[in-house]
Amino acid sequence: MKFILKKDFNHGTSNRQYWELGGNQLNYIKQMRKMIGNETLFTAGCGIILENEGKILLQHRADEDCWGIPGGVMEMGETFEGTALRELNEETGLTASALQLFGIYSGDSCFVQYPNGDKMYSVQIIFHAKEYTGSLQQEGSEAREHKFFRPTELPDNLNPRQRSFIVQWAEGKATPVIE
C-alpha cells in the first residue's frame, strides 16, 4: 500500500480529495493489520448523539448484539465533524446540522479486543445534534435496526465503549465532557 500526499493537501475535508489509498478506510485498517498483526491499532472515532423530541437515536449493531450511536473511525484528512457526519449518513441515511461538541473520551473504556484477537484503542469525539434531514434507513450492513429511545427507556445491552456518553446524555450532563 502506498500513500501519495498531493501538493495541495489541506487539513480539511475528506481524504478522498487528497490521499490515494487504493480503497477505503477498511482497506487501510487491513493494510495496517498486515504490518502489526493483532497488536493495538490507535484510531480516532467520531459519532453523533442525534436527538429528536427528547429521544436519542441508537442503532442495533449487526456485528455485536448491542445498541450504540451512529459513528465510526476517522479517515485520513477528515475533520472530526466530517467523520461524524459521514458515518451518520452512511449508517442511517440522515444528515445532521448544527453539531455541538458533546464530549471527548479516552481511557480504558476506549480499548477493545475483538473476537479475532485484533486490539484497538480509539479516542472518541462525540457530537450532539437536534437538527437533521433525510429518511431513516432501518437496516444496513452495520445495523439491524435504528430506533429513538427516551432517556428512561434505554436498552440494557448498550455498547460498553459508548455506555458512558449515552448515559451522560440521558442524565443531562453539562457539556462538553472531557474524560
N, C-alpha and C. Protein backbone atom coordinates (compact mmCIF):
# COMPACT_ATOMS: atom_id res chain seq x y z
N MET A 1 0.84 -1.18 0.00
CA MET A 1 0.00 0.00 0.00
C MET A 1 0.88 1.23 0.00
N LYS A 2 0.54 2.22 -0.83
CA LYS A 2 1.31 3.44 -0.83
C LYS A 2 0.39 4.62 -0.58
N PHE A 3 0.92 5.63 0.09
CA PHE A 3 0.19 6.86 0.34
C PHE A 3 0.85 7.93 -0.52
N ILE A 4 0.07 8.69 -1.23
CA ILE A 4 0.62 9.77 -2.02
C ILE A 4 0.04 11.07 -1.49
N LEU A 5 0.90 11.91 -0.97
CA LEU A 5 0.47 13.21 -0.47
C LEU A 5 0.46 14.19 -1.63
N LYS A 6 -0.70 14.73 -1.94
CA LYS A 6 -0.82 15.70 -3.02
C LYS A 6 -0.29 17.05 -2.55
N LYS A 7 0.22 17.84 -3.45
CA LYS A 7 0.81 19.13 -3.10
C LYS A 7 -0.21 20.09 -2.51
N ASP A 8 -1.47 19.98 -2.90
CA ASP A 8 -2.49 20.91 -2.42
C ASP A 8 -3.20 20.41 -1.17
N PHE A 9 -2.57 19.51 -0.42
CA PHE A 9 -3.18 18.96 0.79
C PHE A 9 -3.49 20.06 1.79
N ASN A 10 -4.68 20.00 2.35
CA ASN A 10 -5.01 20.85 3.49
C ASN A 10 -5.67 19.96 4.53
N HIS A 11 -5.76 20.42 5.73
CA HIS A 11 -6.26 19.59 6.82
C HIS A 11 -7.77 19.69 6.99
N GLY A 12 -8.50 19.76 5.91
CA GLY A 12 -9.93 19.97 5.98
C GLY A 12 -10.76 18.73 5.79
N THR A 13 -11.33 18.60 4.64
CA THR A 13 -12.39 17.64 4.40
C THR A 13 -11.89 16.24 4.11
N SER A 14 -12.63 15.54 3.29
CA SER A 14 -12.42 14.12 3.07
C SER A 14 -11.07 13.79 2.44
N ASN A 15 -10.51 12.68 2.89
CA ASN A 15 -9.24 12.21 2.35
C ASN A 15 -9.35 11.84 0.88
N ARG A 16 -10.55 11.59 0.40
CA ARG A 16 -10.70 11.20 -0.99
C ARG A 16 -10.15 12.27 -1.94
N GLN A 17 -10.11 13.52 -1.48
CA GLN A 17 -9.60 14.59 -2.32
C GLN A 17 -8.07 14.65 -2.29
N TYR A 18 -7.44 14.09 -1.27
CA TYR A 18 -6.01 14.32 -1.07
C TYR A 18 -5.15 13.07 -0.98
N TRP A 19 -5.71 11.95 -0.63
CA TRP A 19 -4.92 10.74 -0.41
C TRP A 19 -5.33 9.67 -1.39
N GLU A 20 -4.38 8.97 -1.91
CA GLU A 20 -4.67 7.80 -2.72
C GLU A 20 -4.42 6.59 -1.84
N LEU A 21 -5.51 5.92 -1.46
CA LEU A 21 -5.38 4.81 -0.52
C LEU A 21 -5.61 3.46 -1.18
N GLY A 22 -5.99 3.46 -2.41
CA GLY A 22 -6.28 2.19 -3.06
C GLY A 22 -7.53 1.56 -2.49
N GLY A 23 -8.46 2.33 -2.04
CA GLY A 23 -9.69 1.79 -1.49
C GLY A 23 -10.29 2.71 -0.46
N ASN A 24 -10.61 2.16 0.69
CA ASN A 24 -11.26 2.95 1.72
C ASN A 24 -10.58 2.73 3.06
N GLN A 25 -11.17 3.29 4.13
CA GLN A 25 -10.58 3.18 5.45
C GLN A 25 -10.44 1.72 5.89
N LEU A 26 -11.43 0.91 5.56
CA LEU A 26 -11.35 -0.51 5.92
C LEU A 26 -10.11 -1.12 5.27
N ASN A 27 -9.83 -0.74 4.04
CA ASN A 27 -8.65 -1.22 3.34
C ASN A 27 -7.39 -0.77 4.08
N TYR A 28 -7.38 0.47 4.57
CA TYR A 28 -6.24 0.99 5.34
C TYR A 28 -6.04 0.15 6.61
N ILE A 29 -7.12 -0.12 7.32
CA ILE A 29 -7.01 -0.91 8.55
C ILE A 29 -6.50 -2.31 8.24
N LYS A 30 -6.99 -2.90 7.15
CA LYS A 30 -6.49 -4.22 6.75
C LYS A 30 -5.00 -4.18 6.46
N GLN A 31 -4.55 -3.13 5.78
CA GLN A 31 -3.12 -2.99 5.49
C GLN A 31 -2.31 -2.84 6.77
N MET A 32 -2.82 -2.04 7.71
CA MET A 32 -2.13 -1.88 8.99
C MET A 32 -2.07 -3.21 9.73
N ARG A 33 -3.15 -3.97 9.68
CA ARG A 33 -3.18 -5.27 10.36
C ARG A 33 -2.14 -6.21 9.76
N LYS A 34 -1.87 -6.11 8.46
CA LYS A 34 -0.83 -6.93 7.84
C LYS A 34 0.53 -6.60 8.44
N MET A 35 0.72 -5.35 8.83
CA MET A 35 2.01 -4.92 9.38
C MET A 35 2.13 -5.19 10.87
N ILE A 36 1.05 -5.00 11.63
CA ILE A 36 1.15 -5.10 13.09
C ILE A 36 0.43 -6.30 13.67
N GLY A 37 -0.22 -7.09 12.82
CA GLY A 37 -0.95 -8.26 13.33
C GLY A 37 -2.09 -7.84 14.24
N ASN A 38 -2.21 -8.53 15.38
CA ASN A 38 -3.29 -8.25 16.32
C ASN A 38 -2.94 -7.16 17.33
N GLU A 39 -1.74 -6.60 17.23
CA GLU A 39 -1.34 -5.57 18.20
C GLU A 39 -2.28 -4.38 18.15
N THR A 40 -2.22 -3.55 19.17
CA THR A 40 -3.15 -2.44 19.30
C THR A 40 -2.96 -1.39 18.21
N LEU A 41 -4.05 -1.09 17.52
CA LEU A 41 -4.09 -0.05 16.50
C LEU A 41 -4.75 1.17 17.13
N PHE A 42 -4.12 2.32 17.00
CA PHE A 42 -4.65 3.57 17.56
C PHE A 42 -5.46 4.29 16.50
N THR A 43 -6.70 4.65 16.83
CA THR A 43 -7.57 5.36 15.89
C THR A 43 -8.32 6.48 16.61
N ALA A 44 -8.99 7.30 15.83
CA ALA A 44 -9.91 8.30 16.36
C ALA A 44 -11.30 7.94 15.86
N GLY A 45 -12.24 7.83 16.78
CA GLY A 45 -13.61 7.53 16.43
C GLY A 45 -14.49 8.75 16.67
N CYS A 46 -15.50 8.92 15.83
CA CYS A 46 -16.41 10.05 15.96
C CYS A 46 -17.84 9.56 15.82
N GLY A 47 -18.73 10.17 16.57
CA GLY A 47 -20.13 9.79 16.50
C GLY A 47 -21.03 10.96 16.83
N ILE A 48 -22.33 10.74 16.61
CA ILE A 48 -23.32 11.79 16.86
C ILE A 48 -24.43 11.25 17.74
N ILE A 49 -24.67 11.96 18.83
CA ILE A 49 -25.88 11.74 19.62
C ILE A 49 -26.94 12.57 18.92
N LEU A 50 -27.81 11.89 18.18
CA LEU A 50 -28.86 12.57 17.43
C LEU A 50 -30.14 12.51 18.26
N GLU A 51 -30.66 13.67 18.56
CA GLU A 51 -31.82 13.77 19.45
C GLU A 51 -33.03 14.28 18.68
N ASN A 52 -34.18 13.66 18.93
CA ASN A 52 -35.44 14.07 18.32
C ASN A 52 -36.53 14.01 19.38
N GLU A 53 -37.10 15.16 19.70
CA GLU A 53 -38.17 15.25 20.69
C GLU A 53 -37.79 14.57 22.00
N GLY A 54 -36.56 14.81 22.44
CA GLY A 54 -36.10 14.28 23.71
C GLY A 54 -35.69 12.82 23.69
N LYS A 55 -35.60 12.22 22.50
CA LYS A 55 -35.20 10.82 22.36
C LYS A 55 -33.87 10.76 21.61
N ILE A 56 -33.07 9.74 21.92
CA ILE A 56 -31.77 9.53 21.28
C ILE A 56 -31.89 8.42 20.23
N LEU A 57 -31.24 8.64 19.07
CA LEU A 57 -31.21 7.62 18.03
C LEU A 57 -30.10 6.63 18.34
N LEU A 58 -30.47 5.36 18.45
CA LEU A 58 -29.49 4.29 18.64
C LEU A 58 -29.65 3.28 17.52
N GLN A 59 -28.55 2.61 17.22
CA GLN A 59 -28.59 1.54 16.22
C GLN A 59 -28.23 0.22 16.88
N HIS A 60 -28.96 -0.82 16.50
CA HIS A 60 -28.67 -2.17 16.97
C HIS A 60 -27.63 -2.73 16.01
N ARG A 61 -26.41 -2.86 16.49
CA ARG A 61 -25.29 -3.26 15.64
C ARG A 61 -25.47 -4.68 15.11
N ALA A 62 -25.11 -4.86 13.84
CA ALA A 62 -25.19 -6.18 13.21
C ALA A 62 -24.03 -7.07 13.65
N ASP A 63 -22.87 -6.46 13.95
CA ASP A 63 -21.69 -7.25 14.30
C ASP A 63 -21.59 -7.57 15.78
N GLU A 64 -22.29 -6.84 16.61
CA GLU A 64 -22.32 -7.09 18.05
C GLU A 64 -23.78 -6.96 18.47
N ASP A 65 -24.20 -7.73 19.44
CA ASP A 65 -25.59 -7.63 19.89
C ASP A 65 -25.71 -6.52 20.92
N CYS A 66 -25.53 -5.28 20.46
CA CYS A 66 -25.63 -4.15 21.37
C CYS A 66 -26.11 -2.92 20.61
N TRP A 67 -26.56 -1.94 21.37
CA TRP A 67 -27.05 -0.69 20.83
C TRP A 67 -26.03 0.41 21.06
N GLY A 68 -25.87 1.29 20.08
CA GLY A 68 -24.96 2.41 20.22
C GLY A 68 -25.35 3.53 19.27
N ILE A 69 -24.60 4.61 19.32
CA ILE A 69 -24.87 5.73 18.43
C ILE A 69 -24.20 5.49 17.08
N PRO A 70 -24.69 6.12 16.03
CA PRO A 70 -24.01 6.03 14.74
C PRO A 70 -22.64 6.71 14.83
N GLY A 71 -21.65 6.07 14.26
CA GLY A 71 -20.31 6.63 14.27
C GLY A 71 -19.30 5.64 13.75
N GLY A 72 -18.06 6.08 13.68
CA GLY A 72 -17.02 5.19 13.19
C GLY A 72 -15.66 5.86 13.19
N VAL A 73 -14.74 5.24 12.49
CA VAL A 73 -13.33 5.62 12.51
C VAL A 73 -13.05 6.74 11.50
N MET A 74 -12.25 7.69 11.93
CA MET A 74 -11.84 8.82 11.10
C MET A 74 -10.92 8.34 9.98
N GLU A 75 -11.15 8.89 8.79
CA GLU A 75 -10.27 8.63 7.66
C GLU A 75 -9.23 9.74 7.59
N MET A 76 -8.07 9.42 7.04
CA MET A 76 -7.01 10.42 6.95
C MET A 76 -7.47 11.62 6.14
N GLY A 77 -7.17 12.81 6.67
CA GLY A 77 -7.55 14.04 6.01
C GLY A 77 -8.90 14.58 6.43
N GLU A 78 -9.70 13.78 7.12
CA GLU A 78 -11.02 14.23 7.57
C GLU A 78 -10.92 15.06 8.84
N THR A 79 -11.94 15.86 9.04
CA THR A 79 -12.10 16.56 10.32
C THR A 79 -12.94 15.67 11.23
N PHE A 80 -12.94 15.96 12.53
CA PHE A 80 -13.79 15.21 13.45
C PHE A 80 -15.25 15.33 13.04
N GLU A 81 -15.68 16.56 12.78
CA GLU A 81 -17.07 16.80 12.40
C GLU A 81 -17.41 16.09 11.08
N GLY A 82 -16.49 16.16 10.12
CA GLY A 82 -16.71 15.49 8.84
C GLY A 82 -16.86 13.99 8.99
N THR A 83 -16.07 13.39 9.87
CA THR A 83 -16.17 11.96 10.13
C THR A 83 -17.53 11.61 10.71
N ALA A 84 -17.95 12.37 11.72
CA ALA A 84 -19.24 12.10 12.37
C ALA A 84 -20.40 12.23 11.38
N LEU A 85 -20.36 13.26 10.55
CA LEU A 85 -21.43 13.46 9.56
C LEU A 85 -21.44 12.36 8.52
N ARG A 86 -20.25 11.97 8.04
CA ARG A 86 -20.17 10.89 7.04
C ARG A 86 -20.71 9.59 7.60
N GLU A 87 -20.27 9.24 8.81
CA GLU A 87 -20.72 7.98 9.42
C GLU A 87 -22.23 7.98 9.66
N LEU A 88 -22.77 9.09 10.14
CA LEU A 88 -24.22 9.17 10.35
C LEU A 88 -24.95 8.93 9.04
N ASN A 89 -24.51 9.58 7.98
CA ASN A 89 -25.17 9.43 6.69
C ASN A 89 -25.03 8.02 6.14
N GLU A 90 -23.82 7.44 6.23
CA GLU A 90 -23.60 6.08 5.72
C GLU A 90 -24.45 5.06 6.45
N GLU A 91 -24.61 5.23 7.75
CA GLU A 91 -25.28 4.22 8.57
C GLU A 91 -26.79 4.42 8.68
N THR A 92 -27.26 5.66 8.51
CA THR A 92 -28.69 5.93 8.74
C THR A 92 -29.41 6.58 7.58
N GLY A 93 -28.67 7.19 6.64
CA GLY A 93 -29.29 7.95 5.57
C GLY A 93 -29.63 9.37 5.98
N LEU A 94 -29.32 9.76 7.21
CA LEU A 94 -29.64 11.09 7.72
C LEU A 94 -28.45 12.03 7.60
N THR A 95 -28.74 13.32 7.53
CA THR A 95 -27.72 14.36 7.51
C THR A 95 -28.03 15.34 8.64
N ALA A 96 -27.13 15.45 9.59
CA ALA A 96 -27.32 16.34 10.74
C ALA A 96 -26.73 17.71 10.45
N SER A 97 -27.22 18.70 11.17
CA SER A 97 -26.66 20.04 11.09
C SER A 97 -26.58 20.62 12.50
N ALA A 98 -25.92 21.74 12.63
CA ALA A 98 -25.77 22.43 13.92
C ALA A 98 -25.18 21.52 14.99
N LEU A 99 -24.09 20.82 14.63
CA LEU A 99 -23.42 19.94 15.59
C LEU A 99 -22.77 20.74 16.72
N GLN A 100 -22.90 20.22 17.92
CA GLN A 100 -22.24 20.78 19.10
C GLN A 100 -21.36 19.69 19.69
N LEU A 101 -20.20 20.06 20.21
CA LEU A 101 -19.34 19.08 20.85
C LEU A 101 -20.01 18.58 22.12
N PHE A 102 -20.20 17.27 22.23
CA PHE A 102 -20.75 16.67 23.44
C PHE A 102 -19.63 16.27 24.38
N GLY A 103 -18.59 15.60 23.84
CA GLY A 103 -17.50 15.18 24.70
C GLY A 103 -16.35 14.55 23.96
N ILE A 104 -15.23 14.48 24.68
CA ILE A 104 -14.02 13.82 24.21
C ILE A 104 -13.70 12.74 25.23
N TYR A 105 -13.56 11.51 24.77
CA TYR A 105 -13.42 10.37 25.68
C TYR A 105 -12.13 9.61 25.38
N SER A 106 -11.42 9.29 26.45
CA SER A 106 -10.20 8.49 26.35
C SER A 106 -10.18 7.58 27.58
N GLY A 107 -9.13 6.81 27.72
CA GLY A 107 -9.02 5.93 28.88
C GLY A 107 -9.38 4.49 28.57
N ASP A 108 -9.49 3.69 29.61
CA ASP A 108 -9.70 2.25 29.46
C ASP A 108 -10.94 1.88 28.65
N SER A 109 -12.00 2.69 28.74
CA SER A 109 -13.23 2.34 28.03
C SER A 109 -13.08 2.45 26.51
N CYS A 110 -11.99 3.02 26.04
CA CYS A 110 -11.77 3.19 24.59
C CYS A 110 -10.98 2.02 23.98
N PHE A 111 -10.63 1.05 24.79
CA PHE A 111 -9.89 -0.11 24.31
C PHE A 111 -10.85 -1.26 24.05
N VAL A 112 -10.62 -1.98 22.96
CA VAL A 112 -11.44 -3.16 22.66
C VAL A 112 -10.54 -4.24 22.06
N GLN A 113 -10.85 -5.48 22.42
CA GLN A 113 -10.22 -6.62 21.77
C GLN A 113 -11.35 -7.42 21.12
N TYR A 114 -11.29 -7.55 19.81
CA TYR A 114 -12.32 -8.22 19.05
C TYR A 114 -12.15 -9.74 19.14
N PRO A 115 -13.22 -10.50 18.84
CA PRO A 115 -13.14 -11.96 18.92
C PRO A 115 -12.00 -12.58 18.11
N ASN A 116 -11.58 -11.92 17.02
CA ASN A 116 -10.48 -12.46 16.21
C ASN A 116 -9.10 -12.13 16.79
N GLY A 117 -9.08 -11.42 17.94
CA GLY A 117 -7.82 -11.08 18.60
C GLY A 117 -7.31 -9.68 18.30
N ASP A 118 -7.87 -9.02 17.29
CA ASP A 118 -7.45 -7.66 16.96
C ASP A 118 -7.73 -6.73 18.14
N LYS A 119 -6.75 -5.86 18.44
CA LYS A 119 -6.90 -4.89 19.52
C LYS A 119 -6.92 -3.48 18.93
N MET A 120 -7.77 -2.64 19.50
CA MET A 120 -7.89 -1.27 19.02
C MET A 120 -8.12 -0.33 20.20
N TYR A 121 -7.45 0.80 20.14
CA TYR A 121 -7.69 1.88 21.11
C TYR A 121 -8.15 3.08 20.30
N SER A 122 -9.34 3.57 20.59
CA SER A 122 -9.92 4.63 19.79
C SER A 122 -10.41 5.77 20.67
N VAL A 123 -9.72 6.90 20.61
CA VAL A 123 -10.19 8.11 21.28
C VAL A 123 -11.51 8.48 20.62
N GLN A 124 -12.51 8.88 21.42
CA GLN A 124 -13.84 9.17 20.89
C GLN A 124 -14.16 10.65 20.97
N ILE A 125 -14.56 11.22 19.85
CA ILE A 125 -15.03 12.60 19.76
C ILE A 125 -16.52 12.51 19.44
N ILE A 126 -17.35 12.96 20.38
CA ILE A 126 -18.80 12.79 20.25
C ILE A 126 -19.48 14.15 20.12
N PHE A 127 -20.37 14.23 19.14
CA PHE A 127 -21.14 15.44 18.89
C PHE A 127 -22.60 15.21 19.28
N HIS A 128 -23.34 16.31 19.39
CA HIS A 128 -24.76 16.27 19.70
C HIS A 128 -25.47 17.13 18.66
N ALA A 129 -26.59 16.65 18.16
CA ALA A 129 -27.37 17.42 17.18
C ALA A 129 -28.85 17.15 17.39
N LYS A 130 -29.64 18.18 17.14
CA LYS A 130 -31.10 18.05 17.19
C LYS A 130 -31.74 18.33 15.84
N GLU A 131 -30.95 18.80 14.90
CA GLU A 131 -31.46 19.13 13.57
C GLU A 131 -30.90 18.14 12.55
N TYR A 132 -31.80 17.60 11.72
CA TYR A 132 -31.36 16.67 10.69
C TYR A 132 -32.39 16.60 9.58
N THR A 133 -31.94 16.08 8.44
CA THR A 133 -32.81 15.85 7.29
C THR A 133 -32.57 14.44 6.78
N GLY A 134 -33.49 13.97 5.94
CA GLY A 134 -33.35 12.66 5.33
C GLY A 134 -34.35 11.67 5.88
N SER A 135 -34.36 10.49 5.30
CA SER A 135 -35.23 9.40 5.73
C SER A 135 -34.39 8.34 6.41
N LEU A 136 -34.82 7.93 7.58
CA LEU A 136 -34.07 6.95 8.37
C LEU A 136 -34.11 5.57 7.72
N GLN A 137 -32.93 5.04 7.42
CA GLN A 137 -32.81 3.67 6.90
C GLN A 137 -32.84 2.72 8.08
N GLN A 138 -33.70 1.74 8.05
CA GLN A 138 -33.80 0.83 9.19
C GLN A 138 -32.70 -0.21 9.23
N GLU A 139 -32.27 -0.69 8.10
CA GLU A 139 -31.25 -1.73 8.09
C GLU A 139 -30.12 -1.35 7.15
N GLY A 140 -28.98 -1.92 7.40
CA GLY A 140 -27.83 -1.71 6.54
C GLY A 140 -26.79 -2.76 6.87
N SER A 141 -25.62 -2.61 6.29
CA SER A 141 -24.57 -3.60 6.52
C SER A 141 -24.06 -3.57 7.95
N GLU A 142 -24.22 -2.43 8.66
CA GLU A 142 -23.70 -2.30 10.01
C GLU A 142 -24.76 -2.36 11.09
N ALA A 143 -26.03 -2.22 10.72
CA ALA A 143 -27.08 -2.13 11.74
C ALA A 143 -28.27 -3.03 11.43
N ARG A 144 -28.81 -3.65 12.47
CA ARG A 144 -30.03 -4.44 12.34
C ARG A 144 -31.25 -3.54 12.29
N GLU A 145 -31.22 -2.47 13.08
CA GLU A 145 -32.31 -1.51 13.09
C GLU A 145 -31.86 -0.24 13.79
N HIS A 146 -32.65 0.82 13.59
CA HIS A 146 -32.44 2.10 14.26
C HIS A 146 -33.72 2.45 15.00
N LYS A 147 -33.56 3.06 16.17
CA LYS A 147 -34.73 3.39 16.97
C LYS A 147 -34.40 4.56 17.89
N PHE A 148 -35.38 5.45 18.09
CA PHE A 148 -35.24 6.54 19.05
C PHE A 148 -35.72 6.06 20.41
N PHE A 149 -34.92 6.31 21.44
CA PHE A 149 -35.23 5.89 22.81
C PHE A 149 -35.34 7.10 23.74
N ARG A 150 -36.30 7.03 24.65
CA ARG A 150 -36.39 8.02 25.73
C ARG A 150 -35.25 7.76 26.71
N PRO A 151 -34.81 8.81 27.43
CA PRO A 151 -33.71 8.62 28.39
C PRO A 151 -34.01 7.56 29.45
N THR A 152 -35.28 7.38 29.79
CA THR A 152 -35.66 6.41 30.82
C THR A 152 -35.91 5.02 30.27
N GLU A 153 -35.79 4.84 28.97
CA GLU A 153 -36.10 3.55 28.34
C GLU A 153 -34.94 3.02 27.50
N LEU A 154 -33.71 3.34 27.89
CA LEU A 154 -32.55 2.86 27.14
C LEU A 154 -32.44 1.34 27.23
N PRO A 155 -32.01 0.68 26.17
CA PRO A 155 -31.84 -0.78 26.23
C PRO A 155 -30.72 -1.16 27.19
N ASP A 156 -30.81 -2.36 27.76
CA ASP A 156 -29.79 -2.84 28.69
C ASP A 156 -28.47 -3.12 27.99
N ASN A 157 -28.53 -3.60 26.77
CA ASN A 157 -27.32 -4.01 26.06
C ASN A 157 -26.72 -2.87 25.24
N LEU A 158 -26.32 -1.79 25.95
CA LEU A 158 -25.63 -0.68 25.30
C LEU A 158 -24.19 -1.09 25.00
N ASN A 159 -23.65 -0.56 23.92
CA ASN A 159 -22.25 -0.78 23.58
C ASN A 159 -21.40 -0.35 24.78
N PRO A 160 -20.58 -1.24 25.34
CA PRO A 160 -19.81 -0.89 26.54
C PRO A 160 -18.85 0.27 26.33
N ARG A 161 -18.38 0.49 25.11
CA ARG A 161 -17.49 1.61 24.83
C ARG A 161 -18.24 2.92 24.64
N GLN A 162 -19.56 2.85 24.57
CA GLN A 162 -20.38 4.06 24.39
C GLN A 162 -21.31 4.32 25.57
N ARG A 163 -21.41 3.36 26.46
CA ARG A 163 -22.35 3.47 27.57
C ARG A 163 -22.22 4.79 28.33
N SER A 164 -20.99 5.21 28.63
CA SER A 164 -20.81 6.40 29.47
C SER A 164 -21.43 7.63 28.83
N PHE A 165 -21.18 7.88 27.55
CA PHE A 165 -21.74 9.11 26.98
C PHE A 165 -23.22 9.00 26.67
N ILE A 166 -23.74 7.81 26.41
CA ILE A 166 -25.18 7.66 26.23
C ILE A 166 -25.90 7.93 27.56
N VAL A 167 -25.37 7.39 28.64
CA VAL A 167 -25.95 7.62 29.97
C VAL A 167 -25.80 9.09 30.37
N GLN A 168 -24.66 9.70 30.06
CA GLN A 168 -24.47 11.12 30.36
C GLN A 168 -25.51 11.97 29.63
N TRP A 169 -25.80 11.63 28.39
CA TRP A 169 -26.86 12.34 27.65
C TRP A 169 -28.19 12.16 28.37
N ALA A 170 -28.50 10.91 28.74
CA ALA A 170 -29.78 10.61 29.40
C ALA A 170 -29.93 11.36 30.72
N GLU A 171 -28.81 11.56 31.41
CA GLU A 171 -28.84 12.25 32.70
C GLU A 171 -28.74 13.77 32.55
N GLY A 172 -28.57 14.26 31.33
CA GLY A 172 -28.48 15.70 31.10
C GLY A 172 -27.20 16.33 31.57
N LYS A 173 -26.11 15.58 31.53
CA LYS A 173 -24.81 16.09 31.99
C LYS A 173 -24.39 17.33 31.18
N ALA A 174 -23.79 18.30 31.89
CA ALA A 174 -23.29 19.51 31.24
C ALA A 174 -22.17 19.14 30.26
N THR A 175 -22.16 19.82 29.13
CA THR A 175 -21.17 19.51 28.10
C THR A 175 -20.35 20.75 27.77
N PRO A 176 -19.17 20.59 27.20
CA PRO A 176 -18.59 19.33 26.77
C PRO A 176 -17.99 18.54 27.93
N VAL A 177 -18.05 17.24 27.80
CA VAL A 177 -17.47 16.32 28.77
C VAL A 177 -16.07 15.96 28.29
N ILE A 178 -15.09 16.00 29.17
CA ILE A 178 -13.73 15.58 28.83
C ILE A 178 -13.35 14.47 29.80
N GLU A 179 -13.19 13.28 29.28
CA GLU A 179 -12.82 12.12 30.12
C GLU A 179 -11.63 11.41 29.54
